[in-house]
Amino acid sequence: TRPYRLRFGLALLGMLVLAASEPAIPALIKPLLDGSFVARDPFFI
């Protein structure tokens, strides 16, 4: 894959973004519930 390192690097970057965004989903659940539904904070809503 070395001759195609730019596209291969783009593919790896995309995978890194997908992997990094995976824990972001449950991480957003905590302020969503605590801030919007429990505290009813307009900022979080």
PDB file of all heavy atoms in Angstrom:
ATOM      1  N   THR A   1       0.828  -1.214   0.000  1.00  0.00           N
ATOM      2  CA  THR A   1       0.000   0.000   0.000  1.00  0.00           C
ATOM      3  C   THR A   1       0.861   1.263   0.000  1.00  0.00           C
ATOM      4  O   THR A   1       0.320   2.360  -0.128  1.00  0.00           O
ATOM      5  CB  THR A   1      -0.929   0.031   1.227  1.00  0.00           C
ATOM      6  OG1 THR A   1      -0.128   0.135   2.435  1.00  0.00           O
ATOM      7  CG2 THR A   1      -1.779  -1.235   1.306  1.00  0.00           C
ATOM      8  N   ARG A   2       2.180   1.099   0.114  1.00  0.00           N
ATOM      9  CA  ARG A   2       3.063   2.267   0.248  1.00  0.00           C
ATOM     10  C   ARG A   2       2.951   3.237  -0.935  1.00  0.00           C
ATOM     11  O   ARG A   2       2.948   4.459  -0.737  1.00  0.00           O
ATOM     12  CB  ARG A   2       4.509   1.798   0.435  1.00  0.00           C
ATOM     13  CG  ARG A   2       5.438   2.896   0.958  1.00  0.00           C
ATOM     14  CD  ARG A   2       6.804   2.337   1.338  1.00  0.00           C
ATOM     15  NE  ARG A   2       6.711   1.456   2.479  1.00  0.00           N
ATOM     16  CZ  ARG A   2       7.052   0.174   2.464  1.00  0.00           C
ATOM     17  NH1 ARG A   2       7.508  -0.372   1.350  1.00  0.00           N
ATOM     18  NH2 ARG A   2       6.951  -0.562   3.546  1.00  0.00           N
ATOM     19  N   PRO A   3       2.861   2.754  -2.190  1.00  0.00           N
ATOM     20  CA  PRO A   3       2.722   3.724  -3.297  1.00  0.00           C
ATOM     21  C   PRO A   3       1.433   4.534  -3.238  1.00  0.00           C
ATOM     22  O   PRO A   3       1.311   5.546  -3.924  1.00  0.00           O
ATOM     23  CB  PRO A   3       2.744   2.825  -4.546  1.00  0.00           C
ATOM     24  CG  PRO A   3       3.396   1.551  -4.114  1.00  0.00           C
ATOM     25  CD  PRO A   3       2.995   1.381  -2.679  1.00  0.00           C
ATOM     26  N   TYR A   4       0.483   4.077  -2.443  1.00  0.00           N
ATOM     27  CA  TYR A   4      -0.815   4.753  -2.369  1.00  0.00           C
ATOM     28  C   TYR A   4      -1.032   5.287  -0.958  1.00  0.00           C
ATOM     29  O   TYR A   4      -2.146   5.269  -0.427  1.00  0.00           O
ATOM     30  CB  TYR A   4      -1.928   3.771  -2.768  1.00  0.00           C
ATOM     31  CG  TYR A   4      -1.559   2.934  -3.960  1.00  0.00           C
ATOM     32  CD1 TYR A   4      -1.330   1.560  -3.839  1.00  0.00           C
ATOM     33  CD2 TYR A   4      -1.380   3.518  -5.213  1.00  0.00           C
ATOM     34  CE1 TYR A   4      -0.964   0.798  -4.937  1.00  0.00           C
ATOM     35  CE2 TYR A   4      -1.009   2.765  -6.312  1.00  0.00           C
ATOM     36  CZ  TYR A   4      -0.797   1.404  -6.169  1.00  0.00           C
ATOM     37  OH  TYR A   4      -0.431   0.653  -7.257  1.00  0.00           O
ATOM     38  N   ARG A   5       0.050   5.790  -0.371  1.00  0.00           N
ATOM     39  CA  ARG A   5       0.008   6.180   1.047  1.00  0.00           C
ATOM     40  C   ARG A   5      -0.973   7.315   1.319  1.00  0.00           C
ATOM     41  O   ARG A   5      -1.543   7.378   2.406  1.00  0.00           O
ATOM     42  CB  ARG A   5       1.420   6.551   1.527  1.00  0.00           C
ATOM     43  CG  ARG A   5       2.063   7.699   0.793  1.00  0.00           C
ATOM     44  CD  ARG A   5       3.417   8.046   1.405  1.00  0.00           C
ATOM     45  NE  ARG A   5       4.380   6.998   1.170  1.00  0.00           N
ATOM     46  CZ  ARG A   5       5.173   6.934   0.090  1.00  0.00           C
ATOM     47  NH1 ARG A   5       5.073   7.856  -0.846  1.00  0.00           N
ATOM     48  NH2 ARG A   5       6.041   5.974  -0.051  1.00  0.00           N
ATOM     49  N   LEU A   6      -1.178   8.219   0.359  1.00  0.00           N
ATOM     50  CA  LEU A   6      -2.088   9.341   0.605  1.00  0.00           C
ATOM     51  C   LEU A   6      -3.522   8.854   0.770  1.00  0.00           C
ATOM     52  O   LEU A   6      -4.215   9.232   1.716  1.00  0.00           O
ATOM     53  CB  LEU A   6      -1.991  10.353  -0.541  1.00  0.00           C
ATOM     54  CG  LEU A   6      -0.667  11.145  -0.630  1.00  0.00           C
ATOM     55  CD1 LEU A   6      -0.681  12.090  -1.818  1.00  0.00           C
ATOM     56  CD2 LEU A   6      -0.420  11.907   0.660  1.00  0.00           C
ATOM     57  N   ARG A   7      -3.963   8.010  -0.181  1.00  0.00           N
ATOM     58  CA  ARG A   7      -5.328   7.493  -0.061  1.00  0.00           C
ATOM     59  C   ARG A   7      -5.450   6.545   1.127  1.00  0.00           C
ATOM     60  O   ARG A   7      -6.476   6.492   1.796  1.00  0.00           O
ATOM     61  CB  ARG A   7      -5.727   6.792  -1.357  1.00  0.00           C
ATOM     62  CG  ARG A   7      -6.108   7.757  -2.481  1.00  0.00           C
ATOM     63  CD  ARG A   7      -6.608   6.998  -3.687  1.00  0.00           C
ATOM     64  NE  ARG A   7      -7.125   7.904  -4.715  1.00  0.00           N
ATOM     65  CZ  ARG A   7      -6.389   8.495  -5.635  1.00  0.00           C
ATOM     66  NH1 ARG A   7      -5.075   8.294  -5.624  1.00  0.00           N
ATOM     67  NH2 ARG A   7      -6.923   9.277  -6.550  1.00  0.00           N
ATOM     68  N   PHE A   8      -4.403   5.772   1.369  1.00  0.00           N
ATOM     69  CA  PHE A   8      -4.425   4.862   2.522  1.00  0.00           C
ATOM     70  C   PHE A   8      -4.486   5.667   3.817  1.00  0.00           C
ATOM     71  O   PHE A   8      -5.200   5.306   4.766  1.00  0.00           O
ATOM     72  CB  PHE A   8      -3.185   3.971   2.504  1.00  0.00           C
ATOM     73  CG  PHE A   8      -3.241   2.846   3.491  1.00  0.00           C
ATOM     74  CD1 PHE A   8      -4.163   1.825   3.352  1.00  0.00           C
ATOM     75  CD2 PHE A   8      -2.355   2.789   4.566  1.00  0.00           C
ATOM     76  CE1 PHE A   8      -4.226   0.776   4.261  1.00  0.00           C
ATOM     77  CE2 PHE A   8      -2.407   1.754   5.476  1.00  0.00           C
ATOM     78  CZ  PHE A   8      -3.341   0.740   5.313  1.00  0.00           C
ATOM     79  N   GLY A   9      -3.739   6.776   3.850  1.00  0.00           N
ATOM     80  CA  GLY A   9      -3.789   7.649   5.021  1.00  0.00           C
ATOM     81  C   GLY A   9      -5.165   8.267   5.205  1.00  0.00           C
ATOM     82  O   GLY A   9      -5.645   8.405   6.335  1.00  0.00           O
ATOM     83  N   LEU A  10      -5.824   8.623   4.086  1.00  0.00           N
ATOM     84  CA  LEU A  10      -7.181   9.158   4.160  1.00  0.00           C
ATOM     85  C   LEU A  10      -8.138   8.114   4.733  1.00  0.00           C
ATOM     86  O   LEU A  10      -9.001   8.433   5.561  1.00  0.00           O
ATOM     87  CB  LEU A  10      -7.653   9.596   2.771  1.00  0.00           C
ATOM     88  CG  LEU A  10      -9.108  10.082   2.664  1.00  0.00           C
ATOM     89  CD1 LEU A  10      -9.304  11.337   3.500  1.00  0.00           C
ATOM     90  CD2 LEU A  10      -9.472  10.344   1.197  1.00  0.00           C
ATOM     91  N   ALA A  11      -7.971   6.859   4.299  1.00  0.00           N
ATOM     92  CA  ALA A  11      -8.822   5.785   4.817  1.00  0.00           C
ATOM     93  C   ALA A  11      -8.606   5.591   6.312  1.00  0.00           C
ATOM     94  O   ALA A  11      -9.570   5.436   7.080  1.00  0.00           O
ATOM     95  CB  ALA A  11      -8.523   4.484   4.069  1.00  0.00           C
ATOM     96  N   LEU A  12      -7.339   5.619   6.740  1.00  0.00           N
ATOM     97  CA  LEU A  12      -7.049   5.466   8.170  1.00  0.00           C
ATOM     98  C   LEU A  12      -7.595   6.643   8.972  1.00  0.00           C
ATOM     99  O   LEU A  12      -8.119   6.455  10.079  1.00  0.00           O
ATOM    100  CB  LEU A  12      -5.535   5.341   8.382  1.00  0.00           C
ATOM    101  CG  LEU A  12      -4.883   4.030   7.924  1.00  0.00           C
ATOM    102  CD1 LEU A  12      -3.374   4.081   8.138  1.00  0.00           C
ATOM    103  CD2 LEU A  12      -5.471   2.843   8.674  1.00  0.00           C
ATOM    104  N   LEU A  13      -7.495   7.845   8.402  1.00  0.00           N
ATOM    105  CA  LEU A  13      -8.026   9.027   9.097  1.00  0.00           C
ATOM    106  C   LEU A  13      -9.536   8.900   9.283  1.00  0.00           C
ATOM    107  O   LEU A  13     -10.075   9.201  10.358  1.00  0.00           O
ATOM    108  CB  LEU A  13      -7.687  10.286   8.304  1.00  0.00           C
ATOM    109  CG  LEU A  13      -8.196  11.605   8.894  1.00  0.00           C
ATOM    110  CD1 LEU A  13      -7.574  11.853  10.265  1.00  0.00           C
ATOM    111  CD2 LEU A  13      -7.885  12.766   7.943  1.00  0.00           C
ATOM    112  N   GLY A  14     -10.221   8.449   8.233  1.00  0.00           N
ATOM    113  CA  GLY A  14     -11.662   8.253   8.340  1.00  0.00           C
ATOM    114  C   GLY A  14     -12.013   7.228   9.405  1.00  0.00           C
ATOM    115  O   GLY A  14     -12.984   7.416  10.166  1.00  0.00           O
ATOM    116  N   MET A  15     -11.217   6.147   9.469  1.00  0.00           N
ATOM    117  CA  MET A  15     -11.466   5.122  10.490  1.00  0.00           C
ATOM    118  C   MET A  15     -11.221   5.672  11.889  1.00  0.00           C
ATOM    119  O   MET A  15     -11.951   5.343  12.833  1.00  0.00           O
ATOM    120  CB  MET A  15     -10.575   3.896  10.228  1.00  0.00           C
ATOM    121  CG  MET A  15     -11.055   3.027   9.080  1.00  0.00           C
ATOM    122  SD  MET A  15     -10.096   1.507   8.928  1.00  0.00           S
ATOM    123  CE  MET A  15      -8.802   2.027   7.834  1.00  0.00           C
ATOM    124  N   LEU A  16     -10.203   6.513  12.021  1.00  0.00           N
ATOM    125  CA  LEU A  16      -9.911   7.117  13.328  1.00  0.00           C
ATOM    126  C   LEU A  16     -11.058   8.026  13.772  1.00  0.00           C
ATOM    127  O   LEU A  16     -11.452   8.027  14.944  1.00  0.00           O
ATOM    128  CB  LEU A  16      -8.608   7.913  13.254  1.00  0.00           C
ATOM    129  CG  LEU A  16      -7.317   7.098  13.157  1.00  0.00           C
ATOM    130  CD1 LEU A  16      -6.119   8.006  12.885  1.00  0.00           C
ATOM    131  CD2 LEU A  16      -7.081   6.305  14.446  1.00  0.00           C
ATOM    132  N   VAL A  17     -11.600   8.795  12.824  1.00  0.00           N
ATOM    133  CA  VAL A  17     -12.727   9.680  13.156  1.00  0.00           C
ATOM    134  C   VAL A  17     -13.938   8.856  13.576  1.00  0.00           C
ATOM    135  O   VAL A  17     -14.623   9.177  14.560  1.00  0.00           O
ATOM    136  CB  VAL A  17     -13.059  10.586  11.957  1.00  0.00           C
ATOM    137  CG1 VAL A  17     -14.354  11.366  12.211  1.00  0.00           C
ATOM    138  CG2 VAL A  17     -11.916  11.545  11.678  1.00  0.00           C
ATOM    139  N   LEU A  18     -14.218   7.770  12.829  1.00  0.00           N
ATOM    140  CA  LEU A  18     -15.341   6.911  13.187  1.00  0.00           C
ATOM    141  C   LEU A  18     -15.145   6.300  14.563  1.00  0.00           C
ATOM    142  O   LEU A  18     -16.073   6.245  15.377  1.00  0.00           O
ATOM    143  CB  LEU A  18     -15.493   5.799  12.144  1.00  0.00           C
ATOM    144  CG  LEU A  18     -16.277   6.128  10.880  1.00  0.00           C
ATOM    145  CD1 LEU A  18     -16.194   4.977   9.897  1.00  0.00           C
ATOM    146  CD2 LEU A  18     -17.726   6.427  11.216  1.00  0.00           C
ATOM    147  N   ALA A  19     -13.918   5.824  14.819  1.00  0.00           N
ATOM    148  CA  ALA A  19     -13.643   5.202  16.111  1.00  0.00           C
ATOM    149  C   ALA A  19     -13.752   6.221  17.250  1.00  0.00           C
ATOM    150  O   ALA A  19     -14.287   5.928  18.317  1.00  0.00           O
ATOM    151  CB  ALA A  19     -12.255   4.567  16.101  1.00  0.00           C
ATOM    152  N   ALA A  20     -13.257   7.443  16.999  1.00  0.00           N
ATOM    153  CA  ALA A  20     -13.303   8.474  18.046  1.00  0.00           C
ATOM    154  C   ALA A  20     -14.738   8.923  18.322  1.00  0.00           C
ATOM    155  O   ALA A  20     -15.074   9.295  19.457  1.00  0.00           O
ATOM    156  CB  ALA A  20     -12.459   9.678  17.623  1.00  0.00           C
ATOM    157  N   SER A  21     -15.582   8.877  17.277  1.00  0.00           N
ATOM    158  CA  SER A  21     -16.960   9.327  17.468  1.00  0.00           C
ATOM    159  C   SER A  21     -17.830   8.278  18.151  1.00  0.00           C
ATOM    160  O   SER A  21     -18.930   8.590  18.605  1.00  0.00           O
ATOM    161  CB  SER A  21     -17.581   9.689  16.111  1.00  0.00           C
ATOM    162  OG  SER A  21     -17.677   8.539  15.286  1.00  0.00           O
ATOM    163  N   GLU A  22     -17.328   7.038  18.235  1.00  0.00           N
ATOM    164  CA  GLU A  22     -18.127   5.977  18.858  1.00  0.00           C
ATOM    165  C   GLU A  22     -18.386   6.261  20.338  1.00  0.00           C
ATOM    166  O   GLU A  22     -19.542   6.254  20.775  1.00  0.00           O
ATOM    167  CB  GLU A  22     -17.417   4.624  18.679  1.00  0.00           C
ATOM    168  CG  GLU A  22     -18.303   3.420  18.865  1.00  0.00           C
ATOM    169  CD  GLU A  22     -19.057   3.053  17.599  1.00  0.00           C
ATOM    170  OE1 GLU A  22     -18.871   3.715  16.571  1.00  0.00           O
ATOM    171  OE2 GLU A  22     -19.868   2.127  17.663  1.00  0.00           O
ATOM    172  N   PRO A  23     -17.349   6.526  21.149  1.00  0.00           N
ATOM    173  CA  PRO A  23     -17.630   6.845  22.560  1.00  0.00           C
ATOM    174  C   PRO A  23     -18.271   8.215  22.748  1.00  0.00           C
ATOM    175  O   PRO A  23     -18.795   8.519  23.821  1.00  0.00           O
ATOM    176  CB  PRO A  23     -16.243   6.802  23.223  1.00  0.00           C
ATOM    177  CG  PRO A  23     -15.276   7.006  22.118  1.00  0.00           C
ATOM    178  CD  PRO A  23     -15.901   6.394  20.903  1.00  0.00           C
ATOM    179  N   ALA A  24     -18.255   9.043  21.691  1.00  0.00           N
ATOM    180  CA  ALA A  24     -18.888  10.358  21.816  1.00  0.00           C
ATOM    181  C   ALA A  24     -20.404  10.229  21.949  1.00  0.00           C
ATOM    182  O   ALA A  24     -21.058  11.099  22.535  1.00  0.00           O
ATOM    183  CB  ALA A  24     -18.542  11.228  20.605  1.00  0.00           C
ATOM    184  N   ILE A  25     -20.968   9.142  21.403  1.00  0.00           N
ATOM    185  CA  ILE A  25     -22.421   8.954  21.476  1.00  0.00           C
ATOM    186  C   ILE A  25     -22.877   8.755  22.926  1.00  0.00           C
ATOM    187  O   ILE A  25     -23.742   9.495  23.413  1.00  0.00           O
ATOM    188  CB  ILE A  25     -22.862   7.786  20.568  1.00  0.00           C
ATOM    189  CG1 ILE A  25     -22.549   8.116  19.108  1.00  0.00           C
ATOM    190  CG2 ILE A  25     -24.351   7.489  20.743  1.00  0.00           C
ATOM    191  CD1 ILE A  25     -22.778   6.972  18.149  1.00  0.00           C
ATOM    192  N   PRO A  26     -22.314   7.778  23.677  1.00  0.00           N
ATOM    193  CA  PRO A  26     -22.728   7.669  25.086  1.00  0.00           C
ATOM    194  C   PRO A  26     -22.273   8.871  25.914  1.00  0.00           C
ATOM    195  O   PRO A  26     -22.905   9.214  26.920  1.00  0.00           O
ATOM    196  CB  PRO A  26     -22.058   6.379  25.563  1.00  0.00           C
ATOM    197  CG  PRO A  26     -20.926   6.141  24.638  1.00  0.00           C
ATOM    198  CD  PRO A  26     -21.382   6.669  23.313  1.00  0.00           C
ATOM    199  N   ALA A  27     -21.183   9.529  25.474  1.00  0.00           N
ATOM    200  CA  ALA A  27     -20.727  10.712  26.219  1.00  0.00           C
ATOM    201  C   ALA A  27     -21.748  11.844  26.121  1.00  0.00           C
ATOM    202  O   ALA A  27     -21.913  12.635  27.067  1.00  0.00           O
ATOM    203  CB  ALA A  27     -19.366  11.173  25.680  1.00  0.00           C
ATOM    204  N   LEU A  28     -22.469  11.931  24.984  1.00  0.00           N
ATOM    205  CA  LEU A  28     -23.488  12.972  24.841  1.00  0.00           C
ATOM    206  C   LEU A  28     -24.771  12.623  25.590  1.00  0.00           C
ATOM    207  O   LEU A  28     -25.573  13.512  25.907  1.00  0.00           O
ATOM    208  CB  LEU A  28     -23.811  13.184  23.349  1.00  0.00           C
ATOM    209  CG  LEU A  28     -22.781  13.968  22.528  1.00  0.00           C
ATOM    210  CD1 LEU A  28     -23.197  14.015  21.064  1.00  0.00           C
ATOM    211  CD2 LEU A  28     -22.621  15.377  23.075  1.00  0.00           C
ATOM    212  N   ILE A  29     -24.962  11.320  25.855  1.00  0.00           N
ATOM    213  CA  ILE A  29     -26.189  10.897  26.547  1.00  0.00           C
ATOM    214  C   ILE A  29     -26.237  11.466  27.963  1.00  0.00           C
ATOM    215  O   ILE A  29     -27.297  11.880  28.448  1.00  0.00           O
ATOM    216  CB  ILE A  29     -26.286   9.362  26.574  1.00  0.00           C
ATOM    217  CG1 ILE A  29     -26.535   8.835  25.159  1.00  0.00           C
ATOM    218  CG2 ILE A  29     -27.403   8.897  27.516  1.00  0.00           C
ATOM    219  CD1 ILE A  29     -26.539   7.327  25.065  1.00  0.00           C
ATOM    220  N   LYS A  30     -25.080  11.508  28.636  1.00  0.00           N
ATOM    221  CA  LYS A  30     -25.051  11.979  30.032  1.00  0.00           C
ATOM    222  C   LYS A  30     -25.521  13.436  30.151  1.00  0.00           C
ATOM    223  O   LYS A  30     -26.462  13.726  30.913  1.00  0.00           O
ATOM    224  CB  LYS A  30     -23.652  11.813  30.612  1.00  0.00           C
ATOM    225  CG  LYS A  30     -23.550  12.092  32.102  1.00  0.00           C
ATOM    226  CD  LYS A  30     -22.129  11.814  32.590  1.00  0.00           C
ATOM    227  CE  LYS A  30     -22.039  11.905  34.110  1.00  0.00           C
ATOM    228  NZ  LYS A  30     -22.408  13.211  34.625  1.00  0.00           N
ATOM    229  N   PRO A  31     -24.944  14.408  29.418  1.00  0.00           N
ATOM    230  CA  PRO A  31     -25.470  15.778  29.539  1.00  0.00           C
ATOM    231  C   PRO A  31     -26.871  15.923  28.947  1.00  0.00           C
ATOM    232  O   PRO A  31     -27.649  16.790  29.385  1.00  0.00           O
ATOM    233  CB  PRO A  31     -24.458  16.623  28.746  1.00  0.00           C
ATOM    234  CG  PRO A  31     -23.783  15.665  27.830  1.00  0.00           C
ATOM    235  CD  PRO A  31     -23.737  14.360  28.567  1.00  0.00           C
ATOM    236  N   LEU A  32     -27.207  15.067  27.952  1.00  0.00           N
ATOM    237  CA  LEU A  32     -28.546  15.136  27.371  1.00  0.00           C
ATOM    238  C   LEU A  32     -29.612  14.841  28.421  1.00  0.00           C
ATOM    239  O   LEU A  32     -30.600  15.575  28.550  1.00  0.00           O
ATOM    240  CB  LEU A  32     -28.657  14.153  26.203  1.00  0.00           C
ATOM    241  CG  LEU A  32     -30.039  14.005  25.560  1.00  0.00           C
ATOM    242  CD1 LEU A  32     -30.456  15.304  24.892  1.00  0.00           C
ATOM    243  CD2 LEU A  32     -30.044  12.849  24.566  1.00  0.00           C
ATOM    244  N   LEU A  33     -29.406  13.780  29.200  1.00  0.00           N
ATOM    245  CA  LEU A  33     -30.384  13.403  30.215  1.00  0.00           C
ATOM    246  C   LEU A  33     -30.294  14.299  31.448  1.00  0.00           C
ATOM    247  O   LEU A  33     -31.307  14.818  31.938  1.00  0.00           O
ATOM    248  CB  LEU A  33     -30.191  11.939  30.602  1.00  0.00           C
ATOM    249  CG  LEU A  33     -30.507  10.907  29.504  1.00  0.00           C
ATOM    250  CD1 LEU A  33     -30.212   9.498  30.005  1.00  0.00           C
ATOM    251  CD2 LEU A  33     -31.959  11.010  29.074  1.00  0.00           C
ATOM    252  N   ASP A  34     -29.050  14.476  31.969  1.00  0.00           N
ATOM    253  CA  ASP A  34     -28.892  15.251  33.205  1.00  0.00           C
ATOM    254  C   ASP A  34     -29.210  16.734  32.994  1.00  0.00           C
ATOM    255  O   ASP A  34     -29.848  17.387  33.840  1.00  0.00           O
ATOM    256  CB  ASP A  34     -27.468  15.110  33.746  1.00  0.00           C
ATOM    257  CG  ASP A  34     -27.222  13.718  34.308  1.00  0.00           C
ATOM    258  OD1 ASP A  34     -28.215  13.022  34.619  1.00  0.00           O
ATOM    259  OD2 ASP A  34     -26.044  13.317  34.416  1.00  0.00           O
ATOM    260  N   GLY A  35     -28.788  17.277  31.830  1.00  0.00           N
ATOM    261  CA  GLY A  35     -28.985  18.716  31.611  1.00  0.00           C
ATOM    262  C   GLY A  35     -30.354  19.052  31.049  1.00  0.00           C
ATOM    263  O   GLY A  35     -30.982  20.030  31.468  1.00  0.00           O
ATOM    264  N   SER A  36     -30.842  18.237  30.102  1.00  0.00           N
ATOM    265  CA  SER A  36     -32.101  18.572  29.429  1.00  0.00           C
ATOM    266  C   SER A  36     -33.323  18.074  30.184  1.00  0.00           C
ATOM    267  O   SER A  36     -34.292  18.803  30.389  1.00  0.00           O
ATOM    268  CB  SER A  36     -32.102  18.000  28.009  1.00  0.00           C
ATOM    269  OG  SER A  36     -31.035  18.526  27.254  1.00  0.00           O
ATOM    270  N   PHE A  37     -33.301  16.788  30.609  1.00  0.00           N
ATOM    271  CA  PHE A  37     -34.493  16.189  31.194  1.00  0.00           C
ATOM    272  C   PHE A  37     -34.552  16.313  32.715  1.00  0.00           C
ATOM    273  O   PHE A  37     -35.628  16.459  33.291  1.00  0.00           O
ATOM    274  CB  PHE A  37     -34.585  14.716  30.802  1.00  0.00           C
ATOM    275  CG  PHE A  37     -34.872  14.520  29.342  1.00  0.00           C
ATOM    276  CD1 PHE A  37     -33.847  14.335  28.439  1.00  0.00           C
ATOM    277  CD2 PHE A  37     -36.174  14.548  28.868  1.00  0.00           C
ATOM    278  CE1 PHE A  37     -34.110  14.167  27.092  1.00  0.00           C
ATOM    279  CE2 PHE A  37     -36.439  14.385  27.521  1.00  0.00           C
ATOM    280  CZ  PHE A  37     -35.405  14.197  26.621  1.00  0.00           C
ATOM    281  N   VAL A  38     -33.389  16.226  33.369  1.00  0.00           N
ATOM    282  CA  VAL A  38     -33.388  16.300  34.847  1.00  0.00           C
ATOM    283  C   VAL A  38     -33.312  17.764  35.286  1.00  0.00           C
ATOM    284  O   VAL A  38     -34.195  18.277  35.977  1.00  0.00           O
ATOM    285  CB  VAL A  38     -32.236  15.479  35.446  1.00  0.00           C
ATOM    286  CG1 VAL A  38     -32.230  15.612  36.964  1.00  0.00           C
ATOM    287  CG2 VAL A  38     -32.362  14.013  35.041  1.00  0.00           C
ATOM    288  N   ALA A  39     -32.261  18.479  34.885  1.00  0.00           N
ATOM    289  CA  ALA A  39     -32.079  19.881  35.301  1.00  0.00           C
ATOM    290  C   ALA A  39     -32.910  20.842  34.459  1.00  0.00           C
ATOM    291  O   ALA A  39     -33.140  21.990  34.857  1.00  0.00           O
ATOM    292  CB  ALA A  39     -30.598  20.264  35.206  1.00  0.00           C
ATOM    293  N   ARG A  40     -33.351  20.404  33.268  1.00  0.00           N
ATOM    294  CA  ARG A  40     -34.145  21.229  32.359  1.00  0.00           C
ATOM    295  C   ARG A  40     -33.448  22.556  32.043  1.00  0.00           C
ATOM    296  O   ARG A  40     -34.043  23.631  32.043  1.00  0.00           O
ATOM    297  CB  ARG A  40     -35.542  21.475  32.921  1.00  0.00           C
ATOM    298  CG  ARG A  40     -36.336  20.194  33.114  1.00  0.00           C
ATOM    299  CD  ARG A  40     -37.710  20.462  33.691  1.00  0.00           C
ATOM    300  NE  ARG A  40     -38.415  19.196  33.917  1.00  0.00           N
ATOM    301  CZ  ARG A  40     -39.625  19.121  34.436  1.00  0.00           C
ATOM    302  NH1 ARG A  40     -40.280  20.234  34.787  1.00  0.00           N
ATOM    303  NH2 ARG A  40     -40.194  17.949  34.610  1.00  0.00           N
ATOM    304  N   ASP A  41     -32.165  22.442  31.770  1.00  0.00           N
ATOM    305  CA  ASP A  41     -31.338  23.611  31.464  1.00  0.00           C
ATOM    306  C   ASP A  41     -31.580  24.011  30.004  1.00  0.00           C
ATOM    307  O   ASP A  41     -31.364  23.220  29.092  1.00  0.00           O
ATOM    308  CB  ASP A  41     -29.862  23.263  31.677  1.00  0.00           C
ATOM    309  CG  ASP A  41     -28.967  24.472  31.571  1.00  0.00           C
ATOM    310  OD1 ASP A  41     -29.332  25.427  30.861  1.00  0.00           O
ATOM    311  OD2 ASP A  41     -27.879  24.440  32.176  1.00  0.00           O
ATOM    312  N   PRO A  42     -32.047  25.257  29.713  1.00  0.00           N
ATOM    313  CA  PRO A  42     -32.315  25.688  28.332  1.00  0.00           C
ATOM    314  C   PRO A  42     -31.082  25.593  27.431  1.00  0.00           C
ATOM    315  O   PRO A  42     -31.201  25.344  26.231  1.00  0.00           O
ATOM    316  CB  PRO A  42     -32.772  27.137  28.490  1.00  0.00           C
ATOM    317  CG  PRO A  42     -33.233  27.243  29.905  1.00  0.00           C
ATOM    318  CD  PRO A  42     -32.382  26.290  30.702  1.00  0.00           C
ATOM    319  N   PHE A  43     -29.898  25.830  28.018  1.00  0.00           N
ATOM    320  CA  PHE A  43     -28.670  25.776  27.226  1.00  0.00           C
ATOM    321  C   PHE A  43     -28.477  24.383  26.624  1.00  0.00           C
ATOM    322  O   PHE A  43     -28.193  24.239  25.421  1.00  0.00           O
ATOM    323  CB  PHE A  43     -27.477  26.164  28.115  1.00  0.00           C
ATOM    324  CG  PHE A  43     -26.158  25.989  27.415  1.00  0.00           C
ATOM    325  CD1 PHE A  43     -25.738  26.908  26.470  1.00  0.00           C
ATOM    326  CD2 PHE A  43     -25.341  24.901  27.715  1.00  0.00           C
ATOM    327  CE1 PHE A  43     -24.513  26.743  25.827  1.00  0.00           C
ATOM    328  CE2 PHE A  43     -24.116  24.735  27.080  1.00  0.00           C
ATOM    329  CZ  PHE A  43     -23.701  25.658  26.131  1.00  0.00           C
ATOM    330  N   PHE A  44     -28.631  23.348  27.450  1.00  0.00           N
ATOM    331  CA  PHE A  44     -28.462  21.980  26.965  1.00  0.00           C
ATOM    332  C   PHE A  44     -29.587  21.577  26.011  1.00  0.00           C
ATOM    333  O   PHE A  44     -29.370  20.849  25.035  1.00  0.00           O
ATOM    334  CB  PHE A  44     -28.396  21.001  28.142  1.00  0.00           C
ATOM    335  CG  PHE A  44     -27.064  20.974  28.812  1.00  0.00           C
ATOM    336  CD1 PHE A  44     -26.891  21.591  30.061  1.00  0.00           C
ATOM    337  CD2 PHE A  44     -25.973  20.354  28.228  1.00  0.00           C
ATOM    338  CE1 PHE A  44     -25.663  21.587  30.685  1.00  0.00           C
ATOM    339  CE2 PHE A  44     -24.741  20.342  28.861  1.00  0.00           C
ATOM    340  CZ  PHE A  44     -24.572  20.960  30.084  1.00  0.00           C
ATOM    341  N   ILE A  45     -30.795  22.086  26.266  1.00  0.00           N
ATOM    342  CA  ILE A  45     -31.929  21.763  25.393  1.00  0.00           C
ATOM    343  C   ILE A  45     -31.674  22.282  23.975  1.00  0.00           C
ATOM    344  O   ILE A  45     -31.985  21.614  22.990  1.00  0.00           O
ATOM    345  CB  ILE A  45     -33.235  22.346  25.974  1.00  0.00           C
ATOM    346  CG1 ILE A  45     -33.589  21.627  27.287  1.00  0.00           C
ATOM    347  CG2 ILE A  45     -34.388  22.222  24.975  1.00  0.00           C
ATOM    348  CD1 ILE A  45     -34.769  22.244  28.014  1.00  0.00           C
TER     349      ILE A  45
END
